Amino acid sequence: MSPRDTALAAITEYFDSGSFQSELAELVARPTESQDPRGAPHLMAYLTEAMAPMLEAMGFSCQIFDNPQAGAGPLLVGQRIEDESLPTVLTYGHGDVIRAQEGQWREGLEPFTLTEEGDRLYGRGSADNKVQHLINLRAMAALIETQGKLGFNAKVLIEMGEENGSPGLKTFCEEHEELLAADVLIASDGPRLSPDAPTIFTGSRGGALFDLKVELREGANHSGNFGGLLADPAIILAHALACITDRRGQINVPEWRPDSLTPRIREVLAALPEVKSGIALDPDWGEESLTMSERVFGWNSFAVLAMISGVPEAPVNAIAGWARATCQLRFVVGTDVDDILPALRRHLDTHGFQQVQISSADRGSFPATRLDPDHPWVRFAATSLQKSTGQSPHILPNLGGSLPNDCFAEVLDLPTIWVPHSYAGCSQHAPNEHVLKPLSKQALIGMTGLFCDLAEHGAPKD
């Protein structure tokens, strides 16, 4: 057999023997909740007891760093430098998970116990993101095991705070630019477009999180005595929100309507299959002139994440003194990040809502990034994945969600190739999170083949 075939056979045996499932179970068992103080000791243990030993057994040297932002999770950098003349791949993953949501999982499932049911493996982090970096590391291990080398240089960055908005990650990349220097980022996060075929995305939509608040007076006042005499902040806020979009969610703020949905991007998106998520979608929601793929991958969207006025769990007959909504703009390249909130201020003022205060949140915001879908690294990865899996990968100009890709694309100045190993119906960030076994096996084969092709052919030429 060729070296490539030998490595693919080894990774297939790794999955079929149950080793993959066993290792994933060990990772899922670690309650690495970065949003809960009880998870703090497990964040460091994930790196020292799970990641570092795995990487060191693969011939990587490892360093663990405190986060440059006080109180945020630690980071690990692993390196295997075989020859300075070879191309260097940086890969990334995050070992932290969102809150476990104990008691909300269905009967028979526990968040930190990997449970097999048919083709599904349930557990917190099974999809986001433990399975994803496990697949990529074990794909590299298959080359080392069968060929005695990678055939390229590799660096691994594992952070423990992505679910908190990756605090400190950008600063860390700035401070350790030389340590993290590479030719390309090949990493995995987020969902595939379809569970049965690989996906490549080259960036992500940005996310701007902010609060809108109407604060008219201290305390609440009796609705019988003052109804019709005192302005209701909740009503004012509701009307302010209603002027941001029309009734089907089409954005009315002119500066929030991007100019980057070019004919080439529309052509790339037109080649994608119908958007399927495992839940019923609303075809009459969003920008009417766009296809569903264009709405989520090529356009901006506004959402109200939460609203409050008064005491919802115990309402009383009183007009509240204030109302607040937490909102989010998901935005693509072509949106002026610095003008997002100023543009909203101008828009609200124009419509008579000077009373509405705007405050930017200190978390949950990422810039938008996008690599040209015709870039040589994209073509190289697509060709390799098709060869290994027999499936033509879906190519997205960017993920619909947000992730810290700017740290790699802008700070480290790398072409960014993301090959996700989950799917939209995985219940990510919800109870009953799971990963699909057939998808995982295909992903292991695809990534092993991709690394084999990089070892054999080197970096693609511009």
Protein backbone atom coordinates (compact mmCIF):
# COMPACT_ATOMS: atom_id res chain seq x y z
CA MET A 1 0.00 0.00 0.00
CA SER A 2 1.05 3.59 -0.52
CA PRO A 3 1.94 5.64 2.57
CA ARG A 4 -1.36 7.47 2.16
CA ASP A 5 -3.35 4.23 2.05
CA THR A 6 -1.45 2.91 5.07
CA ALA A 7 -2.31 5.99 7.11
CA LEU A 8 -5.96 5.83 6.05
CA ALA A 9 -6.11 2.18 7.08
CA ALA A 10 -4.61 3.06 10.47
CA ILE A 11 -7.12 5.82 11.16
CA THR A 12 -9.98 3.54 10.11
CA GLU A 13 -8.77 0.93 12.58
CA TYR A 14 -8.51 3.61 15.27
CA PHE A 15 -12.21 4.33 14.83
CA ASP A 16 -13.41 0.76 14.29
CA SER A 17 -11.53 -0.58 17.32
CA GLY A 18 -13.38 1.74 19.69
CA SER A 19 -10.27 3.76 20.56
CA PHE A 20 -11.80 6.94 19.18
CA GLN A 21 -14.94 6.57 21.27
CA SER A 22 -12.92 5.71 24.37
CA GLU A 23 -10.68 8.76 24.04
CA LEU A 24 -13.63 11.04 23.38
CA ALA A 25 -15.33 9.67 26.49
CA GLU A 26 -12.27 10.60 28.58
CA LEU A 27 -12.32 14.16 27.25
CA VAL A 28 -16.08 14.60 27.71
CA ALA A 29 -15.80 13.35 31.31
CA ARG A 30 -13.84 16.48 32.22
CA PRO A 31 -16.35 19.18 33.31
CA THR A 32 -14.55 22.08 31.68
CA GLU A 33 -17.29 24.70 32.05
CA SER A 34 -15.61 28.05 31.48
CA GLN A 35 -18.84 29.94 32.25
CA ASP A 36 -19.13 28.44 35.74
CA PRO A 37 -16.59 29.01 38.55
CA ARG A 38 -16.74 25.32 39.46
CA GLY A 39 -15.12 24.52 36.12
CA ALA A 40 -11.96 26.54 36.81
CA PRO A 41 -9.73 23.72 38.15
CA HIS A 42 -10.78 21.45 35.30
CA LEU A 43 -9.65 23.97 32.66
CA MET A 44 -6.00 23.61 33.63
CA ALA A 45 -6.36 19.86 34.21
CA TYR A 46 -7.66 19.42 30.66
CA LEU A 47 -4.39 20.81 29.36
CA THR A 48 -2.00 19.18 31.84
CA GLU A 49 -3.66 15.77 32.14
CA ALA A 50 -5.25 15.25 28.72
CA MET A 51 -3.81 17.45 25.96
CA ALA A 52 -0.14 17.68 26.95
CA PRO A 53 0.30 13.89 27.45
CA MET A 54 -1.45 13.18 24.14
CA LEU A 55 0.71 15.65 22.25
CA GLU A 56 3.96 14.66 23.96
CA ALA A 57 3.31 11.03 23.01
CA MET A 58 3.12 12.31 19.41
CA GLY A 59 6.52 13.99 19.70
CA PHE A 60 5.30 17.51 20.42
CA SER A 61 6.91 19.79 22.97
CA CYS A 62 4.28 21.60 25.03
CA GLN A 63 4.07 24.86 26.93
CA ILE A 64 1.13 25.96 29.07
CA PHE A 65 0.57 29.68 29.53
CA ASP A 66 -1.49 31.76 31.88
CA ASN A 67 -4.02 33.85 30.04
CA PRO A 68 -2.91 37.47 29.59
CA GLN A 69 -6.36 38.47 30.81
CA ALA A 70 -6.67 37.95 34.54
CA GLY A 71 -9.14 35.26 35.51
CA ALA A 72 -9.46 33.78 32.02
CA GLY A 73 -8.61 30.20 31.11
CA PRO A 74 -5.07 28.96 30.33
CA LEU A 75 -3.68 28.15 26.89
CA LEU A 76 -1.46 25.38 25.55
CA VAL A 77 0.93 25.55 22.62
CA GLY A 78 2.44 22.36 21.25
CA GLN A 79 5.13 22.16 18.56
CA ARG A 80 6.59 19.43 16.39
CA ILE A 81 9.22 20.96 14.11
CA GLU A 82 10.67 18.33 11.77
CA ASP A 83 12.48 20.57 9.28
CA GLU A 84 12.49 24.37 9.09
CA SER A 85 12.22 24.12 5.29
CA LEU A 86 8.89 22.28 5.47
CA PRO A 87 5.52 24.04 5.59
CA THR A 88 4.07 24.65 9.05
CA VAL A 89 0.45 24.02 9.96
CA LEU A 90 -1.16 25.70 12.95
CA THR A 91 -4.25 23.97 14.28
CA TYR A 92 -6.59 25.19 17.01
CA GLY A 93 -9.23 23.93 19.37
CA HIS A 94 -10.92 24.84 22.61
CA GLY A 95 -11.35 22.46 25.50
CA ASP A 96 -13.87 24.51 27.45
CA VAL A 97 -17.60 23.90 27.17
CA ILE A 98 -20.71 25.90 27.97
CA ARG A 99 -22.71 25.30 31.14
CA ALA A 100 -23.69 21.66 31.56
CA GLN A 101 -27.41 22.39 31.99
CA GLU A 102 -27.82 19.44 34.33
CA GLY A 103 -31.38 18.31 34.81
CA GLN A 104 -32.37 19.52 31.34
CA TRP A 105 -31.00 16.55 29.41
CA ARG A 106 -33.49 13.87 28.56
CA GLU A 107 -33.74 10.72 30.63
CA GLY A 108 -30.75 8.43 30.31
CA LEU A 109 -28.29 11.18 29.40
CA GLU A 110 -25.78 13.03 31.57
CA PRO A 111 -23.67 15.93 30.29
CA PHE A 112 -20.27 14.55 31.34
CA THR A 113 -20.85 10.90 30.49
CA LEU A 114 -20.45 9.92 26.84
CA THR A 115 -23.53 7.87 25.97
CA GLU A 116 -23.92 5.88 22.78
CA GLU A 117 -27.35 5.58 21.20
CA GLY A 118 -27.34 4.24 17.65
CA ASP A 119 -25.13 6.50 15.53
CA ARG A 120 -25.05 9.24 18.16
CA LEU A 121 -22.58 9.92 20.96
CA TYR A 122 -24.10 12.24 23.57
CA GLY A 123 -22.21 14.46 26.01
CA ARG A 124 -21.27 18.07 26.67
CA GLY A 125 -18.38 18.96 24.39
CA SER A 126 -18.90 15.90 22.22
CA ALA A 127 -19.50 18.24 19.28
CA ASP A 128 -18.18 21.57 20.54
CA ASN A 129 -15.22 21.29 20.49
CA LYS A 130 -13.56 18.24 22.01
CA VAL A 131 -14.36 15.83 19.19
CA GLN A 132 -13.13 18.33 16.61
CA HIS A 133 -9.59 18.80 17.90
CA LEU A 134 -9.39 15.12 18.86
CA ILE A 135 -10.07 14.17 15.23
CA ASN A 136 -7.39 16.52 13.90
CA LEU A 137 -4.76 15.41 16.40
CA ARG A 138 -5.43 11.73 15.80
CA ALA A 139 -5.26 12.28 12.05
CA MET A 140 -1.74 13.64 12.54
CA ALA A 141 -0.94 10.73 14.86
CA ALA A 142 -1.85 8.29 12.07
CA LEU A 143 0.91 9.75 9.89
CA ILE A 144 3.46 9.63 12.70
CA GLU A 145 2.50 6.03 13.53
CA THR A 146 2.65 4.71 9.97
CA GLN A 147 5.37 6.87 8.42
CA GLY A 148 7.52 7.79 11.39
CA LYS A 149 7.01 11.47 10.67
CA LEU A 150 4.43 14.08 9.75
CA GLY A 151 6.25 15.34 6.69
CA PHE A 152 5.48 18.93 7.73
CA ASN A 153 5.79 21.02 10.87
CA ALA A 154 2.82 21.34 13.20
CA LYS A 155 1.80 23.70 15.96
CA VAL A 156 -1.24 23.24 18.18
CA LEU A 157 -3.05 25.96 20.11
CA ILE A 158 -5.69 24.89 22.63
CA GLU A 159 -7.53 27.58 24.57
CA MET A 160 -9.88 27.18 27.51
CA GLY A 161 -12.12 30.23 27.19
CA GLU A 162 -13.80 30.23 23.78
CA GLU A 163 -17.26 29.85 25.30
CA ASN A 164 -16.60 33.09 27.19
CA GLY A 165 -15.66 34.95 24.01
CA SER A 166 -11.98 33.90 23.91
CA PRO A 167 -10.77 36.51 26.43
CA GLY A 168 -7.06 37.19 26.06
CA LEU A 169 -6.65 35.11 22.90
CA LYS A 170 -5.96 38.04 20.61
CA THR A 171 -3.44 39.52 23.02
CA PHE A 172 -1.81 36.10 23.40
CA CYS A 173 -1.44 35.79 19.62
CA GLU A 174 0.03 39.29 19.45
CA GLU A 175 2.51 38.56 22.23
CA HIS A 176 3.50 35.15 20.83
CA GLU A 177 3.38 35.86 17.12
CA GLU A 178 6.74 34.21 16.49
CA LEU A 179 5.87 31.11 18.53
CA LEU A 180 2.64 30.69 16.53
CA ALA A 181 4.12 31.55 13.12
CA ALA A 182 2.92 29.17 10.40
CA ASP A 183 1.97 28.96 6.74
CA VAL A 184 -1.69 28.12 7.23
CA LEU A 185 -4.33 27.52 9.88
CA ILE A 186 -6.19 24.23 9.45
CA ALA A 187 -8.69 23.89 12.28
CA SER A 188 -12.19 22.69 13.08
CA ASP A 189 -15.19 24.21 14.83
CA GLY A 190 -18.83 24.74 14.07
CA PRO A 191 -21.14 22.58 11.96
CA ARG A 192 -20.99 21.11 8.49
CA LEU A 193 -23.61 22.26 6.05
CA SER A 194 -24.72 18.66 5.62
CA PRO A 195 -23.83 15.70 7.87
CA ASP A 196 -22.86 13.41 4.98
CA ALA A 197 -20.35 15.63 3.15
CA PRO A 198 -17.35 17.69 4.30
CA THR A 199 -17.58 21.46 4.56
CA ILE A 200 -14.83 24.06 4.24
CA PHE A 201 -15.35 27.60 5.47
CA THR A 202 -12.67 30.25 5.39
CA GLY A 203 -13.86 32.82 7.90
CA SER A 204 -16.83 33.75 10.03
CA ARG A 205 -19.49 36.35 10.46
CA GLY A 206 -18.71 38.86 13.13
CA GLY A 207 -20.86 39.39 16.18
CA ALA A 208 -21.62 42.68 17.92
CA LEU A 209 -23.44 42.38 21.25
CA PHE A 210 -25.06 45.41 22.84
CA ASP A 211 -27.84 46.53 25.18
CA LEU A 212 -30.65 48.95 24.46
CA LYS A 213 -32.19 50.51 27.54
CA VAL A 214 -34.95 52.98 28.27
CA GLU A 215 -34.63 54.33 31.80
CA LEU A 216 -37.28 56.90 32.68
CA ARG A 217 -37.54 56.92 36.47
CA GLU A 218 -36.65 55.09 39.64
CA GLY A 219 -39.02 52.39 40.77
CA ALA A 220 -42.45 51.47 39.41
CA ASN A 221 -45.73 53.36 39.67
CA HIS A 222 -49.28 52.07 40.08
CA SER A 223 -50.82 51.45 36.66
CA GLY A 224 -54.26 52.51 37.84
CA ASN A 225 -53.16 55.83 39.28
CA PHE A 226 -50.65 56.65 36.58
CA GLY A 227 -51.74 54.72 33.49
CA GLY A 228 -52.06 57.21 30.64
CA LEU A 229 -49.95 59.75 32.54
CA LEU A 230 -46.54 58.07 32.63
CA ALA A 231 -44.64 56.87 29.57
CA ASP A 232 -44.08 53.13 29.50
CA PRO A 233 -40.39 52.32 28.85
CA ALA A 234 -41.22 48.84 27.56
CA ILE A 235 -43.52 50.26 24.88
CA ILE A 236 -40.94 52.84 23.86
CA LEU A 237 -38.27 50.15 23.63
CA ALA A 238 -40.55 47.85 21.63
CA HIS A 239 -41.17 50.57 19.06
CA ALA A 240 -37.46 51.39 18.90
CA LEU A 241 -36.66 47.74 18.21
CA ALA A 242 -39.37 47.63 15.56
CA CYS A 243 -37.71 50.42 13.58
CA ILE A 244 -34.41 48.50 13.33
CA THR A 245 -35.97 45.90 11.03
CA ASP A 246 -39.28 45.51 9.27
CA ARG A 247 -41.82 42.88 10.32
CA ARG A 248 -39.96 40.08 8.50
CA GLY A 249 -36.56 40.96 9.96
CA GLN A 250 -35.15 42.90 7.00
CA ILE A 251 -32.58 45.38 8.29
CA ASN A 252 -33.57 49.05 8.06
CA VAL A 253 -30.29 50.59 9.31
CA PRO A 254 -28.63 51.59 5.99
CA GLU A 255 -25.05 51.13 7.24
CA TRP A 256 -25.86 47.60 8.41
CA ARG A 257 -26.61 46.45 4.86
CA PRO A 258 -23.28 45.08 3.52
CA ASP A 259 -21.77 45.56 0.07
CA SER A 260 -19.71 42.35 0.03
CA LEU A 261 -22.26 39.96 -1.49
CA THR A 262 -20.43 40.03 -4.82
CA PRO A 263 -21.39 38.04 -7.93
CA ARG A 264 -18.58 35.54 -7.15
CA ILE A 265 -19.74 35.04 -3.55
CA ARG A 266 -23.31 34.56 -4.79
CA GLU A 267 -22.01 32.00 -7.30
CA VAL A 268 -20.22 30.07 -4.54
CA LEU A 269 -23.31 30.13 -2.34
CA ALA A 270 -25.57 29.07 -5.23
CA ALA A 271 -23.61 25.81 -5.47
CA LEU A 272 -24.59 24.83 -1.92
CA PRO A 273 -27.45 22.46 -1.14
CA GLU A 274 -30.60 23.68 0.53
CA VAL A 275 -30.03 24.83 4.10
CA LYS A 276 -31.07 22.04 6.48
CA SER A 277 -30.78 22.38 10.23
CA GLY A 278 -32.94 19.67 11.75
CA ILE A 279 -35.55 22.26 12.73
CA ALA A 280 -38.27 23.95 10.68
CA LEU A 281 -36.95 27.13 9.06
CA ASP A 282 -38.98 30.23 8.23
CA PRO A 283 -38.67 30.94 4.49
CA ASP A 284 -40.50 34.25 4.86
CA TRP A 285 -38.03 35.65 7.40
CA GLY A 286 -34.99 37.74 6.55
CA GLU A 287 -33.95 39.60 3.41
CA GLU A 288 -36.64 38.83 0.86
CA SER A 289 -34.46 39.22 -2.25
CA LEU A 290 -31.85 36.72 -1.05
CA THR A 291 -31.72 32.95 -1.01
CA MET A 292 -31.60 31.25 2.37
CA SER A 293 -27.88 30.52 1.95
CA GLU A 294 -27.20 34.16 1.10
CA ARG A 295 -29.11 35.30 4.20
CA VAL A 296 -27.03 33.28 6.63
CA PHE A 297 -23.62 33.23 4.91
CA GLY A 298 -23.58 36.45 2.88
CA TRP A 299 -25.67 38.98 4.79
CA ASN A 300 -26.18 40.58 8.19
CA SER A 301 -28.87 39.61 10.68
CA PHE A 302 -30.24 41.34 13.78
CA ALA A 303 -31.61 39.48 16.78
CA VAL A 304 -33.09 40.38 20.15
CA LEU A 305 -31.53 37.85 22.51
CA ALA A 306 -33.37 38.85 25.66
CA MET A 307 -35.82 41.51 26.91
CA ILE A 308 -36.94 42.52 30.37
CA SER A 309 -39.16 45.09 32.03
CA GLY A 310 -40.63 44.86 35.49
CA VAL A 311 -40.46 41.45 37.17
CA PRO A 312 -41.65 38.83 34.64
CA GLU A 313 -41.78 35.99 37.17
CA ALA A 314 -43.98 38.05 39.52
CA PRO A 315 -45.71 40.89 37.62
CA VAL A 316 -47.54 43.58 39.55
CA ASN A 317 -49.99 46.32 38.52
CA ALA A 318 -47.35 48.95 37.97
CA ILE A 319 -45.65 50.80 35.14
CA ALA A 320 -41.98 49.88 35.26
CA GLY A 321 -39.35 52.56 35.40
CA TRP A 322 -37.05 50.92 32.85
CA ALA A 323 -36.82 48.32 30.09
CA ARG A 324 -33.80 46.62 28.56
CA ALA A 325 -33.07 44.44 25.55
CA THR A 326 -29.85 42.58 24.82
CA CYS A 327 -29.31 42.56 21.07
CA GLN A 328 -26.87 41.18 18.53
CA LEU A 329 -25.83 41.97 15.00
CA ARG A 330 -24.22 39.12 13.09
CA PHE A 331 -22.29 40.76 10.28
CA VAL A 332 -20.16 39.81 7.28
CA VAL A 333 -17.03 41.34 5.81
CA GLY A 334 -17.97 44.67 4.26
CA THR A 335 -19.62 46.03 7.38
CA ASP A 336 -17.80 48.93 9.04
CA VAL A 337 -17.26 47.53 12.54
CA ASP A 338 -16.46 50.91 14.06
CA ASP A 339 -19.71 52.36 12.74
CA ILE A 340 -22.12 49.64 13.88
CA LEU A 341 -23.26 51.35 17.08
CA PRO A 342 -22.85 54.95 15.85
CA ALA A 343 -25.02 54.06 12.84
CA LEU A 344 -27.65 52.62 15.18
CA ARG A 345 -27.50 55.81 17.28
CA ARG A 346 -28.14 57.94 14.20
CA HIS A 347 -30.96 55.65 13.07
CA LEU A 348 -32.74 55.71 16.44
CA ASP A 349 -32.36 59.47 16.73
CA THR A 350 -33.78 59.95 13.25
CA HIS A 351 -36.84 57.97 14.31
CA GLY A 352 -37.31 59.94 17.50
CA PHE A 353 -35.86 57.47 20.01
CA GLN A 354 -33.31 59.68 21.72
CA GLN A 355 -34.42 58.16 25.05
CA VAL A 356 -32.97 54.77 24.08
CA GLN A 357 -29.50 54.26 25.53
CA ILE A 358 -26.99 52.06 23.66
CA SER A 359 -24.19 50.29 25.52
CA SER A 360 -21.71 47.84 24.04
CA ALA A 361 -21.32 44.52 25.86
CA ASP A 362 -17.85 43.58 27.08
CA ARG A 363 -18.15 40.04 25.78
CA GLY A 364 -19.44 38.02 22.85
CA SER A 365 -18.02 40.16 20.04
CA PHE A 366 -15.85 38.97 17.15
CA PRO A 367 -14.80 40.71 13.91
CA ALA A 368 -15.85 39.29 10.55
CA THR A 369 -13.27 37.49 8.41
CA ARG A 370 -13.25 35.81 5.02
CA LEU A 371 -10.61 34.19 2.80
CA ASP A 372 -11.12 34.20 -0.96
CA PRO A 373 -12.92 30.92 -1.76
CA ASP A 374 -10.62 30.59 -4.79
CA HIS A 375 -7.45 30.77 -2.67
CA PRO A 376 -4.91 27.97 -3.42
CA TRP A 377 -5.24 26.54 0.12
CA VAL A 378 -9.00 26.25 -0.34
CA ARG A 379 -8.59 24.41 -3.64
CA PHE A 380 -5.91 22.15 -2.12
CA ALA A 381 -8.08 21.19 0.85
CA ALA A 382 -11.18 20.66 -1.28
CA THR A 383 -9.36 18.38 -3.72
CA SER A 384 -7.87 16.29 -0.91
CA LEU A 385 -11.15 15.91 1.02
CA GLN A 386 -12.97 14.80 -2.10
CA LYS A 387 -10.25 12.26 -2.87
CA SER A 388 -10.39 10.77 0.64
CA THR A 389 -14.13 10.81 1.30
CA GLY A 390 -15.58 10.50 -2.19
CA GLN A 391 -17.73 13.55 -1.41
CA SER A 392 -17.26 16.99 -2.93
CA PRO A 393 -16.97 19.40 0.00
CA HIS A 394 -19.31 22.33 0.41
CA ILE A 395 -17.34 25.58 0.37
CA LEU A 396 -18.58 28.54 2.39
CA PRO A 397 -17.01 32.01 2.27
CA ASN A 398 -17.64 32.20 6.01
CA LEU A 399 -19.45 30.47 8.81
CA GLY A 400 -22.83 31.89 9.74
CA GLY A 401 -21.76 32.02 13.39
CA SER A 402 -18.79 33.72 14.98
CA LEU A 403 -15.43 32.47 16.21
CA PRO A 404 -12.06 34.10 16.91
CA ASN A 405 -10.73 33.70 13.38
CA ASP A 406 -9.42 37.28 13.37
CA CYS A 407 -6.66 36.14 15.74
CA PHE A 408 -5.33 33.92 12.97
CA ALA A 409 -6.35 35.78 9.82
CA GLU A 410 -5.40 39.28 10.99
CA VAL A 411 -2.97 39.03 13.90
CA LEU A 412 -0.99 36.04 12.57
CA ASP A 413 -1.74 36.88 8.90
CA LEU A 414 -2.58 33.29 7.93
CA PRO A 415 -4.86 31.82 5.30
CA THR A 416 -7.55 30.12 7.37
CA ILE A 417 -9.08 26.76 6.45
CA TRP A 418 -11.83 25.47 8.75
CA VAL A 419 -13.10 21.92 8.27
CA PRO A 420 -15.92 21.38 10.80
CA HIS A 421 -16.68 17.93 12.21
CA SER A 422 -20.18 18.48 13.56
CA TYR A 423 -23.59 19.21 12.04
CA ALA A 424 -26.34 21.76 12.61
CA GLY A 425 -28.64 19.39 14.47
CA CYS A 426 -26.05 18.43 17.13
CA SER A 427 -27.76 20.43 19.93
CA GLN A 428 -24.63 22.50 20.40
CA HIS A 429 -25.07 24.89 23.36
CA ALA A 430 -28.19 22.98 24.43
CA PRO A 431 -29.11 19.86 26.35
CA ASN A 432 -28.57 16.54 24.53
CA GLU A 433 -25.45 17.69 22.65
CA HIS A 434 -24.11 14.90 20.46
CA VAL A 435 -21.86 13.99 17.56
CA LEU A 436 -22.58 11.51 14.78
CA LYS A 437 -20.37 8.42 14.55
CA PRO A 438 -20.47 8.12 10.72
CA LEU A 439 -19.58 11.80 10.41
CA SER A 440 -16.69 11.36 12.83
CA LYS A 441 -15.30 8.40 10.92
CA GLN A 442 -15.51 10.26 7.63
CA ALA A 443 -13.85 13.29 9.24
CA LEU A 444 -10.97 11.18 10.55
CA ILE A 445 -10.41 9.78 7.07
CA GLY A 446 -10.70 13.18 5.42
CA MET A 447 -8.26 14.93 7.76
CA THR A 448 -5.75 12.07 7.60
CA GLY A 449 -5.83 12.27 3.83
CA LEU A 450 -5.45 16.04 3.91
CA PHE A 451 -2.36 15.83 6.12
CA CYS A 452 -0.95 13.02 3.94
CA ASP A 453 -1.35 15.15 0.83
CA LEU A 454 0.34 18.08 2.54
CA ALA A 455 3.25 15.84 3.51
CA GLU A 456 3.56 14.48 -0.03
CA HIS A 457 2.99 17.62 -2.09
CA GLY A 458 3.93 20.48 0.23
CA ALA A 459 2.14 23.80 0.42
CA PRO A 460 0.07 24.76 -2.64
CA LYS A 461 1.56 27.38 -4.91
CA ASP A 462 -0.03 30.81 -5.21
